[in-house]
């Protein structure tokens, strides 16, 4: 969701706000990754944070693909943790 908002802000020419939103998204991923000790989610958070470079052009297509990837990771992690119980 935050990444879709980031793409929208970037498309509107509001690059500084898009970078801030992307950094916030990365921080939330880190928090969840630490809480559940999920190394893949922490790696993904680092990748999202790396995309928050103000000089990098954020596009809707790239962020939608990344959002789908994050969703897949979260679902796999949730499924694995659920089966461990």
Protein backbone atom coordinates (compact mmCIF):
# COMPACT_ATOMS: atom_id res chain seq x y z
CA UNK A 1 0.00 0.00 0.00
CA UNK A 2 2.71 2.45 0.96
CA UNK A 3 4.60 1.66 -2.21
CA UNK A 4 1.54 2.35 -4.34
CA UNK A 5 1.26 5.70 -2.56
CA UNK A 6 4.95 6.29 -3.25
CA UNK A 7 4.46 5.70 -6.96
CA UNK A 8 1.46 7.99 -6.98
CA UNK A 9 3.40 10.77 -5.24
CA UNK A 10 6.31 10.32 -7.63
CA UNK A 11 4.03 10.41 -10.66
CA UNK A 12 2.60 13.69 -9.33
CA UNK A 13 6.11 15.15 -9.11
CA UNK A 14 6.21 15.03 -5.30
CA UNK A 15 9.55 13.19 -5.16
CA UNK A 16 10.58 14.23 -1.60
CA UNK A 17 7.29 12.94 -0.19
CA UNK A 18 7.64 9.74 -2.22
CA UNK A 19 11.10 9.11 -0.76
CA UNK A 20 9.81 9.72 2.76
CA UNK A 21 6.91 7.30 2.23
CA UNK A 22 9.28 4.65 0.90
CA UNK A 23 11.59 5.05 3.91
CA UNK A 24 8.61 4.69 6.25
CA UNK A 25 7.58 1.52 4.44
CA UNK A 26 11.10 0.11 4.81
CA UNK A 27 11.07 0.88 8.52
CA UNK A 28 7.76 -0.93 9.00
CA UNK A 29 9.14 -3.96 7.15
CA UNK A 30 12.19 -3.92 9.43
CA UNK A 31 10.00 -3.80 12.53
CA UNK A 32 7.94 -6.78 11.39
CA UNK A 33 11.07 -8.65 10.30
CA UNK A 34 12.68 -8.14 13.71
CA UNK A 35 9.50 -9.07 15.56
CA UNK A 36 9.16 -12.38 13.74
CA UNK A 37 12.89 -12.91 13.26
CA UNK A 38 12.34 -13.14 9.51
CA UNK A 39 15.65 -12.66 7.70
CA UNK A 40 14.03 -12.52 4.25
CA UNK A 41 11.75 -9.71 5.32
CA UNK A 42 14.73 -7.83 6.76
CA UNK A 43 16.56 -8.23 3.44
CA UNK A 44 13.50 -6.93 1.63
CA UNK A 45 13.37 -3.94 3.98
CA UNK A 46 16.98 -3.15 3.08
CA UNK A 47 16.14 -3.39 -0.62
CA UNK A 48 13.15 -1.07 -0.23
CA UNK A 49 15.26 1.36 1.76
CA UNK A 50 17.90 1.33 -0.99
CA UNK A 51 15.21 2.38 -3.46
CA UNK A 52 14.53 5.47 -1.37
CA UNK A 53 17.51 7.24 -2.91
CA UNK A 54 16.21 10.73 -3.79
CA UNK A 55 18.10 10.59 -7.10
CA UNK A 56 16.46 7.33 -8.14
CA UNK A 57 13.44 7.60 -10.37
CA UNK A 58 10.48 5.82 -8.81
CA UNK A 59 8.02 4.42 -11.28
CA UNK A 60 4.62 2.92 -10.74
CA UNK A 61 5.54 -0.22 -12.69
CA UNK A 62 8.64 -0.92 -10.59
CA UNK A 63 6.80 -0.35 -7.34
CA UNK A 64 3.85 -2.55 -8.28
CA UNK A 65 6.26 -5.38 -9.08
CA UNK A 66 8.08 -4.81 -5.78
CA UNK A 67 4.80 -4.69 -3.88
CA UNK A 68 3.77 -8.03 -5.36
CA UNK A 69 7.13 -9.49 -4.36
CA UNK A 70 6.79 -8.22 -0.77
CA UNK A 71 3.27 -9.65 -0.55
CA UNK A 72 4.57 -13.03 -1.69
CA UNK A 73 7.34 -12.95 0.93
CA UNK A 74 4.89 -12.00 3.67
CA UNK A 75 2.47 -14.76 2.71
CA UNK A 76 5.25 -17.36 2.58
CA UNK A 77 6.55 -16.23 5.97
CA UNK A 78 3.07 -16.27 7.50
CA UNK A 79 2.38 -19.71 6.08
CA UNK A 80 5.68 -21.11 7.36
CA UNK A 81 5.14 -19.70 10.84
CA UNK A 82 1.59 -20.98 10.93
CA UNK A 83 2.74 -24.51 10.05
CA UNK A 84 5.33 -24.43 12.82
CA UNK A 85 2.64 -24.11 15.48
